[in-house]
Structure formats: C-alpha cells, structure tokens
Amino acid sequence: MYAILDIETTGGQYNEEGITEIAIYKFDGLEVVDQFISLVNPEIPIQPFVAKLTGINNAMLRSAPKFFEVAKRIIEITSDSIIVAHNTSFDYRILRTEFNRLGYQFEAKTLCTVELAKKLIPEQPSYSLGKLVRSLGIPMADRHRASGDAMATVKLFKLLLEKDVEKTIIKDFIKIEVAKGITPKLLDLLNDLPAKTGVYYIHNKDGNIIYIGKSRNIKKRVNQHFTGITNKSKRIQNDVFTISFEETGSELIALLKESQEIKVNKPILNRSQRKNIFIYALYLEKDKDNYLNLRIQKTDGRKREITSFSTLQEGKNFLFKITERYHLCQKLNGLYETKKECFQYKIKECDGACLGLVAPEIYNARVQEFITDYSFEHANMILLDKGRTINERSAVLIENGVYKGYAFYDLNYQITNPEILKNILIPMENNRDVRSIIQNYIRKSKTLKIINF
C-alpha cells in the first residue's frame, strides 16, 4: 500500500515552515482506497509569494484545524504504507518536523516520483510536476494545491508502475512486507485477486518474481496453479509468498506485457514456457516453375516468416482460409497432395496455377497481396482495444512495421494522432515474439479496431 501525499507550506526559514494544506491518497497500486485532505492552521503567517502561488491566505486558515488535531488521522492513513511524493525529501522532512514538535517520531519508507521518473522516463526536458505530467498527457487540476498536486502524483506513480518492467518498485514493497514475518495462506492470496484480464506476478519470500503469467481471469488462472498437480504448480504452491498483478482490460496488452517482462525478469518457472509458444510458421518459397508457394513448417529462426502459429492445425486452418480468399492454389500451398491438378480446379475454384495455366507473375501478385495485407512490415497502425474500465480504451502503436508500445487513454480523449499517442506511450521492445503475438491477435480478435495512418 502507498500513501501518496502533497504538502503546501507557509514558506520561510529551513525547518521553520508550517503546513498550510495536506492531501494524502491511499493507493493500492490500482486505485485510491482512502483519502485525507485538509487545510491546516500553521499558527505562523504565510509568506506573500507563497500565498500568491497557492491561493491560500492567512484568513482561510484561521478556522482550519491545527496540526495536532489532524496528526492522528495522518498516522492512521499512512500506517503500513510507503510514503510517495514528488520530491519526497521535502514533504517527508516537513511532516517529520511537525511530528517532532509534538514529541512524536514519525518514520516511514519513502519513494520519490522525481527519482523514479528520471530512471523510467529519461531525457524529459523538466521533472517539475506540472511540466512532467503535461508532457505525459496526464490531466491536472488545482495546480499548487495539495489535492490537485497529490492526485497528479497518483496518476504519475500509476504510470511509473506500468513502465517499471523490472518490477523493482513492487519487489522493494514486498521486501518490506516480508520483514513483518507474516506468511499468507493460499486462499488469502486468491481472495485479493481480480477475476479480470491482466498479467500476474508470483513472488517468493525474497520478493523475487518466480513466475509471470497472463489470463482473461487472473483469479481463476492462479487458482489452477494452486490446485494443480504438475511440478510447476507444486513449486508455485511451495514458494509463493505474494502475488502482484496489473489489470490490462485488453488481452493483447496482457500478451505483450507477459512476453516482454518474462524476457526482462527471467522468472525461474518460465524458462520452458517461452520456447514453444509459436512452434509453426508460414514461409514463402519459389518453386522450379517460379510460382510463389506458402508453406507451414516448423519454426526456423534462420528463415524469415510471414506469421506464426501455436499449433500445426491452427496454421493449416489459416492457410485454407487465405488460399480461398486470395484465389490461390491448394496444391501449390501444400494443402492438397496430388501429381495432377488440385481438387479446387475441378470445381472451378482454382484458375489452374497448378497446371501452369496462369502466368507466374499474375499468380504471384495475389500471393504478394496477401503478404501485404497480413504482415505489417512497413505498416503504420494504431490498434484500439478494451481498457481497464468502461471509460477507458487501450492503444498499441506500430510505426513503419515496428511495435513501439502501448497506452491507456480516457474516452474523453480520442487517440487517432500518433504524435499525441507518443506522449502517453509506454515504450516496449520490438522482436519476433511480439510481431507474432500482434499478428495472431489481429487474426482472431473481433473487437479490435485498426487505424492506419
């Protein structure tokens, strides 16, 4: 749990400032679960430039509670939480100073979104809260007021959690939980999981990720691990300490995140899983008569594939469909074994390429049309899909055939311009696996919307 806060002060000499306003949002990594917002009577005057900046003046604070009156609520909402702020050293120092004046020693683990942003979003022109969130497309209201700045920090921190593919933030949090010495039961872990689409991370008692998976129903899938009898399931049951997860709404983004984060984190129980995802692939060959043939073969990393498949039957089903759709020949594509003409020619659904009745140039043009339609080697596309909530959508950006990353956006902000999308994009690596994942998803999905640009 995280306590994301912002504090406004009177200004003045170092360690002599007083708090004028405080906002704390308790955040569980997905949503705000509690909040505390209050003006505070600092019992000293506000510096004029601060009053002008924040809009908070001495008259507004006369009837506000003094710090000792809100101290108990602050302790309650921050207990068992990591303090998160934009420039934490300032906010944490101010908070501790106020508690010291009451004779209470306030201690908490802290995270700074300035430092996290510098690591996870490098080369930004400015890391001030206002300029940073604006460049990232994060909406902000009530700038220089505690509630507005704290909520902007919540949204920024949520983005940073998504960008942290190494999961260092989550791992550090789990190490703090481990220090408490409480080992949760499997049923307790299961009860905290959502029955929604996303990626889940199984951690051991050291906070390390031992398994990463994706599912359209996280709770159901993890329950299968907990009740399974395979060696992997038994290892999970024995070693699991906690489970973190990220809802994605979109199955495509769940697949892409799972693929990349397994490569980055190298969980010990995922080693064999990635070897056999796409066992078969579709390749292009030219026969002795100069006709282009499409063939399903075992995946060979040395050869350039058009698309790939999890099973041979999946590949054959796809090849039958595109052979019919593009008026190709089943014999040339290896789907009909014969020394004569193919069966499709007999029923007048093939124009005789198998007999040499069609010039290779004419036939090959139809093959190339299929390749252009089904590969995105030089394509510029935005793939729009479900979001994590009913008011949200997801977008995957492909530029010049290269997968650039994904983003979530509010329905109030329609994303059709790639330049706007890049501002909120979570960059991801482009590789053979993600190309195959995207091609497979485009083939199968009925909800995906594709915008070409």
Protein backbone atom coordinates (compact mmCIF):
# COMPACT_ATOMS: atom_id res chain seq x y z
CA MET A 1 0.00 0.00 0.00
CA TYR A 2 1.21 3.51 -0.81
CA ALA A 3 0.37 6.85 0.85
CA ILE A 4 0.74 9.43 -1.92
CA LEU A 5 0.88 12.92 -0.49
CA ASP A 6 1.47 16.57 -1.16
CA ILE A 7 2.04 19.33 1.38
CA GLU A 8 1.74 23.09 0.96
CA THR A 9 3.65 25.25 3.46
CA THR A 10 3.99 28.83 4.64
CA GLY A 11 7.50 29.18 3.21
CA GLY A 12 10.22 30.78 5.30
CA GLN A 13 13.41 29.64 7.02
CA TYR A 14 14.51 25.98 6.64
CA ASN A 15 12.76 23.77 9.23
CA GLU A 16 10.67 26.70 10.41
CA GLU A 17 7.96 26.31 7.75
CA GLY A 18 4.44 25.38 8.80
CA ILE A 19 1.93 23.20 6.94
CA THR A 20 -0.99 25.08 5.36
CA GLU A 21 -2.60 22.18 3.47
CA ILE A 22 -2.10 18.43 3.23
CA ALA A 23 -3.59 15.81 0.90
CA ILE A 24 -2.97 12.06 1.23
CA TYR A 25 -4.34 9.40 -1.12
CA LYS A 26 -4.00 5.78 0.00
CA PHE A 27 -3.25 3.83 -3.18
CA ASP A 28 -3.14 0.04 -3.56
CA GLY A 29 -1.34 0.06 -6.91
CA LEU A 30 -4.59 0.11 -8.87
CA GLU A 31 -6.90 2.65 -7.28
CA VAL A 32 -7.30 5.09 -4.43
CA VAL A 33 -8.87 3.30 -1.45
CA ASP A 34 -8.84 6.13 1.12
CA GLN A 35 -8.06 9.84 1.25
CA PHE A 36 -7.46 12.71 3.64
CA ILE A 37 -7.48 16.36 2.52
CA SER A 38 -7.40 19.32 4.88
CA LEU A 39 -6.28 22.87 5.30
CA VAL A 40 -4.06 23.28 8.39
CA ASN A 41 -3.63 26.30 10.61
CA PRO A 42 0.18 26.74 10.78
CA GLU A 43 -0.04 29.31 13.58
CA ILE A 44 2.51 31.44 11.71
CA PRO A 45 1.99 33.86 8.75
CA ILE A 46 2.20 32.72 5.14
CA GLN A 47 4.92 34.28 3.02
CA PRO A 48 3.31 36.65 0.44
CA PHE A 49 4.83 34.91 -2.61
CA VAL A 50 3.51 31.54 -1.36
CA ALA A 51 0.01 32.97 -0.87
CA LYS A 52 0.13 34.28 -4.44
CA LEU A 53 1.36 30.92 -5.78
CA THR A 54 -1.13 28.67 -3.95
CA GLY A 55 -4.10 30.98 -3.43
CA ILE A 56 -4.10 30.02 0.26
CA ASN A 57 -4.09 33.08 2.56
CA ASN A 58 -3.98 33.68 6.31
CA ALA A 59 -7.73 34.41 6.51
CA MET A 60 -8.58 30.98 5.03
CA LEU A 61 -6.59 29.21 7.74
CA ARG A 62 -7.88 30.91 10.89
CA SER A 63 -10.67 28.37 11.40
CA ALA A 64 -8.69 25.40 9.98
CA PRO A 65 -7.60 22.60 12.36
CA LYS A 66 -4.12 22.84 13.82
CA PHE A 67 -1.60 20.10 13.09
CA PHE A 68 -2.04 18.29 16.40
CA GLU A 69 -5.77 17.95 15.57
CA VAL A 70 -5.09 16.10 12.29
CA ALA A 71 -1.96 14.20 13.39
CA LYS A 72 -3.84 11.04 14.41
CA ARG A 73 -5.63 10.82 11.04
CA ILE A 74 -2.30 11.24 9.22
CA ILE A 75 -0.78 8.38 11.22
CA GLU A 76 -3.81 6.17 10.51
CA ILE A 77 -3.84 6.71 6.75
CA THR A 78 -0.05 6.32 6.35
CA SER A 79 0.39 3.29 8.61
CA ASP A 80 1.76 0.18 6.85
CA SER A 81 2.31 2.27 3.71
CA ILE A 82 5.22 3.62 1.72
CA ILE A 83 5.17 7.41 1.53
CA VAL A 84 5.23 8.59 -2.11
CA ALA A 85 5.62 12.21 -3.16
CA HIS A 86 7.07 14.33 -5.93
CA ASN A 87 10.33 15.43 -4.29
CA THR A 88 9.76 13.28 -1.22
CA SER A 89 12.72 14.72 0.69
CA PHE A 90 10.77 17.99 1.08
CA ASP A 91 7.34 16.61 2.02
CA TYR A 92 8.74 13.90 4.30
CA ARG A 93 11.02 16.42 6.07
CA ILE A 94 8.12 18.82 6.66
CA LEU A 95 5.91 16.01 8.00
CA ARG A 96 8.61 14.72 10.38
CA THR A 97 9.36 18.25 11.58
CA GLU A 98 5.71 18.80 12.53
CA PHE A 99 5.55 15.49 14.39
CA ASN A 100 8.84 16.26 16.17
CA ARG A 101 7.23 19.44 17.51
CA LEU A 102 4.60 17.20 19.09
CA GLY A 103 7.27 14.93 20.56
CA TYR A 104 6.42 12.05 18.20
CA GLN A 105 8.98 10.34 15.97
CA PHE A 106 7.35 9.74 12.58
CA GLU A 107 9.15 7.09 10.48
CA ALA A 108 8.18 5.57 7.11
CA LYS A 109 9.70 4.09 3.97
CA THR A 110 9.64 6.58 1.10
CA LEU A 111 9.64 6.72 -2.71
CA CYS A 112 10.27 9.81 -4.81
CA THR A 113 8.48 10.15 -8.16
CA VAL A 114 11.14 12.62 -9.34
CA GLU A 115 13.87 9.99 -8.96
CA LEU A 116 11.67 7.21 -10.37
CA ALA A 117 10.73 9.37 -13.38
CA LYS A 118 14.39 10.18 -14.11
CA LYS A 119 15.11 6.45 -14.21
CA LEU A 120 11.99 5.20 -16.00
CA ILE A 121 11.25 8.22 -18.27
CA PRO A 122 14.71 9.58 -19.12
CA GLU A 123 15.52 12.66 -21.21
CA GLN A 124 12.48 14.70 -20.18
CA PRO A 125 13.06 18.46 -20.57
CA SER A 126 11.79 19.05 -17.00
CA TYR A 127 10.92 16.91 -13.99
CA SER A 128 8.85 19.54 -12.21
CA LEU A 129 5.42 18.06 -11.51
CA GLY A 130 3.45 20.46 -13.72
CA LYS A 131 5.69 20.19 -16.78
CA LEU A 132 6.25 16.45 -16.42
CA VAL A 133 2.59 15.44 -16.21
CA ARG A 134 1.71 17.83 -19.04
CA SER A 135 4.32 16.22 -21.32
CA LEU A 136 2.93 12.78 -20.41
CA GLY A 137 -0.67 13.74 -21.19
CA ILE A 138 -1.77 13.39 -17.55
CA PRO A 139 -4.67 15.76 -16.77
CA MET A 140 -4.09 18.08 -13.82
CA ALA A 141 -6.38 20.38 -11.83
CA ASP A 142 -5.75 22.75 -8.92
CA ARG A 143 -2.02 23.19 -9.51
CA HIS A 144 -0.13 24.21 -6.35
CA ARG A 145 -2.97 23.00 -4.16
CA ALA A 146 -2.33 19.85 -2.14
CA SER A 147 -5.26 17.81 -3.51
CA GLY A 148 -4.52 18.64 -7.17
CA ASP A 149 -0.78 18.00 -6.91
CA ALA A 150 -1.28 14.79 -4.89
CA MET A 151 -3.80 13.42 -7.42
CA ALA A 152 -1.43 14.25 -10.31
CA THR A 153 1.28 12.36 -8.38
CA VAL A 154 -1.09 9.37 -8.04
CA LYS A 155 -1.58 9.29 -11.81
CA LEU A 156 2.14 9.75 -12.43
CA PHE A 157 3.01 6.97 -9.98
CA LYS A 158 0.49 4.64 -11.64
CA LEU A 159 2.22 5.28 -14.99
CA LEU A 160 5.64 4.69 -13.42
CA LEU A 161 4.44 1.33 -12.04
CA GLU A 162 3.44 0.35 -15.60
CA LYS A 163 6.78 1.47 -17.03
CA ASP A 164 8.74 -0.44 -14.39
CA VAL A 165 9.09 -3.68 -16.38
CA GLU A 166 11.80 -4.90 -13.99
CA LYS A 167 9.25 -4.57 -11.15
CA THR A 168 11.81 -3.00 -8.81
CA ILE A 169 9.11 -0.87 -7.10
CA ILE A 170 6.92 -3.90 -6.36
CA LYS A 171 9.88 -6.04 -5.27
CA ASP A 172 11.03 -3.42 -2.78
CA PHE A 173 7.50 -3.17 -1.38
CA ILE A 174 7.31 -6.96 -0.95
CA LYS A 175 10.62 -6.99 0.92
CA ILE A 176 9.04 -4.62 3.44
CA GLU A 177 6.05 -6.97 3.76
CA VAL A 178 8.38 -9.95 4.25
CA ALA A 179 10.07 -8.13 7.12
CA LYS A 180 6.78 -8.31 9.04
CA GLY A 181 7.20 -12.09 9.13
CA ILE A 182 3.61 -12.95 8.14
CA THR A 183 3.21 -15.71 5.55
CA PRO A 184 -0.24 -15.52 3.95
CA LYS A 185 -2.26 -18.63 3.14
CA LEU A 186 -3.02 -19.53 -0.49
CA LEU A 187 -6.72 -18.80 -0.01
CA ASP A 188 -5.93 -15.33 1.34
CA LEU A 189 -3.78 -14.62 -1.72
CA LEU A 190 -6.55 -15.82 -4.02
CA ASN A 191 -9.19 -13.62 -2.38
CA ASP A 192 -7.18 -10.49 -3.20
CA LEU A 193 -7.03 -11.24 -6.94
CA PRO A 194 -9.49 -9.89 -9.55
CA ALA A 195 -11.46 -12.01 -11.99
CA LYS A 196 -10.27 -9.73 -14.80
CA THR A 197 -7.84 -9.68 -17.74
CA GLY A 198 -4.24 -8.86 -16.97
CA VAL A 199 -0.77 -10.04 -16.01
CA TYR A 200 0.10 -11.61 -12.66
CA TYR A 201 3.46 -11.97 -10.92
CA ILE A 202 4.14 -14.71 -8.37
CA HIS A 203 6.81 -13.66 -5.84
CA ASN A 204 8.78 -15.73 -3.33
CA LYS A 205 9.67 -14.64 0.22
CA ASP A 206 12.64 -12.63 -1.09
CA GLY A 207 10.33 -10.56 -3.27
CA ASN A 208 11.76 -12.12 -6.44
CA ILE A 209 9.41 -12.99 -9.30
CA ILE A 210 9.37 -16.75 -9.84
CA TYR A 211 6.55 -16.86 -12.41
CA ILE A 212 4.76 -14.44 -14.75
CA GLY A 213 1.50 -15.30 -16.47
CA LYS A 214 -1.42 -13.66 -18.22
CA SER A 215 -5.10 -14.52 -18.20
CA ARG A 216 -8.53 -13.21 -19.07
CA ASN A 217 -9.44 -14.20 -15.49
CA ILE A 218 -6.46 -13.77 -13.16
CA LYS A 219 -8.17 -15.28 -10.11
CA LYS A 220 -9.29 -18.40 -11.99
CA ARG A 221 -5.85 -18.96 -13.54
CA VAL A 222 -3.98 -18.58 -10.24
CA ASN A 223 -6.47 -20.96 -8.60
CA GLN A 224 -5.47 -23.52 -11.26
CA HIS A 225 -1.83 -23.10 -10.15
CA PHE A 226 -2.84 -23.54 -6.51
CA THR A 227 -4.83 -26.72 -7.19
CA GLY A 228 -2.62 -28.18 -9.94
CA ILE A 229 -0.51 -31.31 -9.58
CA THR A 230 2.22 -30.57 -12.15
CA ASN A 231 5.79 -29.95 -10.98
CA LYS A 232 5.42 -26.25 -11.81
CA SER A 233 2.19 -25.93 -9.83
CA LYS A 234 3.77 -27.67 -6.83
CA ARG A 235 6.76 -25.31 -6.97
CA ILE A 236 4.40 -22.33 -7.07
CA GLN A 237 2.35 -23.68 -4.12
CA ASN A 238 5.51 -24.24 -2.10
CA ASP A 239 7.39 -20.99 -2.89
CA VAL A 240 4.69 -18.32 -3.29
CA PHE A 241 4.76 -15.52 -0.73
CA THR A 242 2.61 -12.97 -2.50
CA ILE A 243 1.09 -12.16 -5.89
CA SER A 244 1.04 -8.80 -7.61
CA PHE A 245 -0.92 -8.09 -10.76
CA GLU A 246 -1.72 -5.48 -13.37
CA GLU A 247 -5.12 -5.30 -14.99
CA THR A 248 -4.95 -4.54 -18.72
CA GLY A 249 -8.52 -4.96 -19.97
CA SER A 250 -7.04 -5.79 -23.36
CA GLU A 251 -5.83 -9.36 -23.83
CA LEU A 252 -3.39 -8.10 -26.49
CA ILE A 253 -1.61 -5.83 -23.99
CA ALA A 254 -1.58 -8.66 -21.43
CA LEU A 255 0.13 -10.91 -24.00
CA LEU A 256 2.66 -8.22 -24.96
CA LYS A 257 3.47 -7.35 -21.32
CA GLU A 258 3.84 -11.01 -20.38
CA SER A 259 6.23 -11.62 -23.28
CA GLN A 260 8.48 -8.64 -22.54
CA GLU A 261 8.52 -8.93 -18.76
CA ILE A 262 9.44 -12.61 -18.87
CA LYS A 263 12.45 -11.65 -21.02
CA VAL A 264 13.44 -8.85 -18.62
CA ASN A 265 12.84 -10.62 -15.29
CA LYS A 266 13.71 -14.20 -16.36
CA PRO A 267 11.49 -15.94 -13.75
CA ILE A 268 12.81 -19.38 -12.88
CA LEU A 269 9.49 -21.13 -13.62
CA ASN A 270 9.00 -19.52 -17.05
CA ARG A 271 12.12 -20.97 -18.69
CA SER A 272 10.45 -23.71 -20.71
CA GLN A 273 7.25 -21.79 -21.41
CA ARG A 274 8.67 -19.34 -23.95
CA LYS A 275 10.36 -21.93 -26.13
CA ASN A 276 7.14 -23.40 -27.51
CA ILE A 277 4.72 -20.54 -27.99
CA PHE A 278 4.94 -20.38 -31.78
CA ILE A 279 6.06 -23.81 -32.96
CA TYR A 280 4.96 -23.43 -36.59
CA ALA A 281 5.36 -20.59 -39.07
CA LEU A 282 4.26 -19.64 -42.57
CA TYR A 283 7.12 -19.28 -45.06
CA LEU A 284 7.36 -18.15 -48.67
CA GLU A 285 9.15 -20.32 -51.25
CA LYS A 286 9.54 -20.13 -55.03
CA ASP A 287 9.18 -23.43 -56.90
CA LYS A 288 11.00 -24.55 -60.05
CA ASP A 289 8.26 -23.01 -62.21
CA ASN A 290 8.66 -19.58 -60.49
CA TYR A 291 5.36 -19.78 -58.57
CA LEU A 292 5.37 -18.47 -55.00
CA ASN A 293 4.31 -21.19 -52.57
CA LEU A 294 3.09 -20.64 -49.00
CA ARG A 295 4.14 -23.45 -46.65
CA ILE A 296 3.53 -24.25 -42.98
CA GLN A 297 6.76 -25.55 -41.44
CA LYS A 298 8.40 -25.93 -38.05
CA THR A 299 9.64 -22.52 -36.92
CA ASP A 300 13.20 -21.85 -38.05
CA GLY A 301 14.80 -18.72 -36.62
CA ARG A 302 17.19 -18.54 -39.59
CA LYS A 303 14.35 -18.04 -42.07
CA ARG A 304 12.04 -15.06 -42.48
CA GLU A 305 8.47 -15.94 -41.60
CA ILE A 306 5.24 -14.23 -42.65
CA THR A 307 3.36 -15.17 -39.48
CA SER A 308 3.45 -17.97 -36.93
CA PHE A 309 1.14 -20.34 -35.05
CA SER A 310 0.91 -22.24 -31.78
CA THR A 311 -0.20 -25.49 -33.47
CA LEU A 312 0.02 -27.11 -36.90
CA GLN A 313 -3.78 -27.28 -37.15
CA GLU A 314 -4.10 -23.56 -36.43
CA GLY A 315 -1.64 -22.89 -39.25
CA LYS A 316 -3.46 -25.16 -41.70
CA ASN A 317 -6.85 -23.63 -40.91
CA PHE A 318 -5.43 -20.18 -41.57
CA LEU A 319 -3.76 -21.28 -44.82
CA PHE A 320 -7.02 -22.83 -46.09
CA LYS A 321 -8.84 -19.53 -45.43
CA ILE A 322 -6.35 -17.27 -47.15
CA THR A 323 -5.94 -19.72 -50.06
CA GLU A 324 -9.67 -19.37 -50.70
CA ARG A 325 -9.81 -15.62 -50.04
CA TYR A 326 -6.94 -14.71 -52.38
CA HIS A 327 -7.79 -17.34 -55.05
CA LEU A 328 -4.57 -19.27 -54.52
CA CYS A 329 -3.89 -22.92 -55.23
CA GLN A 330 -4.16 -25.60 -52.53
CA LYS A 331 -1.64 -27.79 -54.32
CA LEU A 332 1.00 -25.04 -54.52
CA ASN A 333 0.42 -24.25 -50.85
CA GLY A 334 0.91 -27.87 -49.79
CA LEU A 335 -2.69 -28.41 -48.70
CA TYR A 336 -3.63 -30.93 -51.43
CA GLU A 337 -1.26 -33.79 -52.32
CA THR A 338 -1.56 -34.78 -56.00
CA LYS A 339 0.55 -35.13 -59.12
CA LYS A 340 -2.25 -33.69 -61.25
CA GLU A 341 -4.47 -30.64 -60.85
CA CYS A 342 -5.84 -29.74 -57.43
CA PHE A 343 -9.42 -30.58 -56.42
CA GLN A 344 -10.30 -26.86 -56.37
CA TYR A 345 -9.56 -26.67 -60.11
CA LYS A 346 -12.09 -29.44 -60.75
CA ILE A 347 -14.83 -27.44 -59.06
CA LYS A 348 -13.70 -24.22 -60.79
CA GLU A 349 -12.36 -22.52 -57.62
CA CYS A 350 -8.74 -22.54 -58.83
CA ASP A 351 -7.77 -20.95 -62.15
CA GLY A 352 -5.11 -23.55 -62.96
CA ALA A 353 -1.82 -22.35 -61.49
CA CYS A 354 -1.17 -25.99 -60.60
CA LEU A 355 -1.31 -26.79 -64.34
CA GLY A 356 0.65 -23.76 -65.45
CA LEU A 357 -2.47 -22.16 -66.94
CA VAL A 358 -1.84 -18.86 -65.12
CA ALA A 359 1.32 -16.84 -65.64
CA PRO A 360 3.53 -16.88 -62.51
CA GLU A 361 3.52 -13.05 -62.48
CA ILE A 362 -0.30 -12.94 -62.21
CA TYR A 363 -0.48 -15.67 -59.56
CA ASN A 364 2.44 -14.26 -57.56
CA ALA A 365 0.77 -10.83 -57.44
CA ARG A 366 -2.10 -12.42 -55.49
CA VAL A 367 0.37 -14.01 -53.08
CA GLN A 368 2.07 -10.64 -52.58
CA GLU A 369 -1.32 -9.03 -51.95
CA PHE A 370 -1.89 -11.48 -49.11
CA ILE A 371 1.58 -10.80 -47.65
CA THR A 372 0.97 -7.04 -47.74
CA ASP A 373 -2.40 -7.43 -46.01
CA TYR A 374 -1.27 -9.83 -43.29
CA SER A 375 2.19 -8.62 -42.37
CA PHE A 376 2.87 -5.13 -41.09
CA GLU A 377 6.49 -4.89 -42.21
CA HIS A 378 6.15 -1.24 -43.26
CA ALA A 379 2.72 -0.53 -41.79
CA ASN A 380 1.71 2.43 -39.65
CA MET A 381 -1.18 1.39 -37.39
CA ILE A 382 -2.88 2.15 -34.11
CA LEU A 383 -4.70 -0.87 -32.65
CA LEU A 384 -7.57 0.19 -30.39
CA ASP A 385 -9.00 -2.28 -27.87
CA LYS A 386 -10.68 -2.51 -24.47
CA GLY A 387 -9.32 -0.59 -21.48
CA ARG A 388 -9.20 -1.42 -17.79
CA THR A 389 -12.51 0.32 -17.09
CA ILE A 390 -15.67 1.09 -19.04
CA ASN A 391 -14.46 4.68 -19.57
CA GLU A 392 -11.05 3.70 -20.88
CA ARG A 393 -9.55 2.29 -24.08
CA SER A 394 -6.13 0.89 -24.92
CA ALA A 395 -3.94 1.67 -27.92
CA VAL A 396 -0.98 -0.19 -29.43
CA LEU A 397 1.28 1.78 -31.77
CA ILE A 398 3.05 0.25 -34.77
CA GLU A 399 5.21 2.63 -36.77
CA ASN A 400 6.91 1.60 -40.02
CA GLY A 401 6.29 -2.02 -39.08
CA VAL A 402 7.91 -1.64 -35.65
CA TYR A 403 5.95 -2.17 -32.40
CA LYS A 404 6.54 0.95 -30.31
CA GLY A 405 4.47 0.30 -27.19
CA TYR A 406 1.01 0.75 -25.69
CA ALA A 407 -1.04 3.29 -23.77
CA PHE A 408 -4.34 3.65 -21.96
CA TYR A 409 -6.49 6.70 -22.58
CA ASP A 410 -9.78 8.13 -21.35
CA LEU A 411 -12.74 8.01 -23.76
CA ASN A 412 -12.94 11.81 -23.49
CA TYR A 413 -9.61 11.97 -25.35
CA GLN A 414 -9.89 10.16 -28.66
CA ILE A 415 -6.42 8.95 -29.73
CA THR A 416 -6.11 8.90 -33.51
CA ASN A 417 -2.97 11.02 -33.86
CA PRO A 418 0.30 9.07 -33.37
CA GLU A 419 2.12 12.16 -32.11
CA ILE A 420 -0.41 12.62 -29.29
CA LEU A 421 -0.26 8.89 -28.53
CA LYS A 422 3.54 9.02 -28.20
CA ASN A 423 3.24 11.43 -25.26
CA ILE A 424 1.49 8.81 -23.12
CA LEU A 425 3.07 5.71 -24.67
CA ILE A 426 4.73 3.06 -22.53
CA PRO A 427 7.66 2.08 -24.78
CA MET A 428 8.22 -1.63 -25.37
CA GLU A 429 10.76 -3.72 -27.26
CA ASN A 430 10.08 -4.90 -30.81
CA ASN A 431 11.05 -8.51 -31.50
CA ARG A 432 9.92 -11.64 -33.31
CA ASP A 433 7.66 -12.79 -30.46
CA VAL A 434 5.67 -9.55 -30.26
CA ARG A 435 5.20 -9.45 -34.03
CA SER A 436 3.74 -12.96 -33.88
CA ILE A 437 1.54 -12.04 -30.89
CA ILE A 438 0.15 -8.99 -32.71
CA GLN A 439 -0.43 -10.88 -35.98
CA ASN A 440 -2.22 -13.70 -34.16
CA TYR A 441 -4.39 -11.25 -32.22
CA ILE A 442 -5.34 -9.31 -35.36
CA ARG A 443 -6.35 -12.60 -36.99
CA LYS A 444 -8.55 -13.75 -34.11
CA SER A 445 -9.96 -10.63 -32.42
CA LYS A 446 -13.47 -9.45 -33.20
CA THR A 447 -13.29 -6.31 -31.05
CA LEU A 448 -10.01 -4.79 -32.28
CA LYS A 449 -10.25 -1.53 -34.24
CA ILE A 450 -7.36 -0.68 -36.59
CA ILE A 451 -6.49 2.87 -37.60
CA ASN A 452 -3.98 3.17 -40.45
CA PHE A 453 -2.01 6.39 -40.78
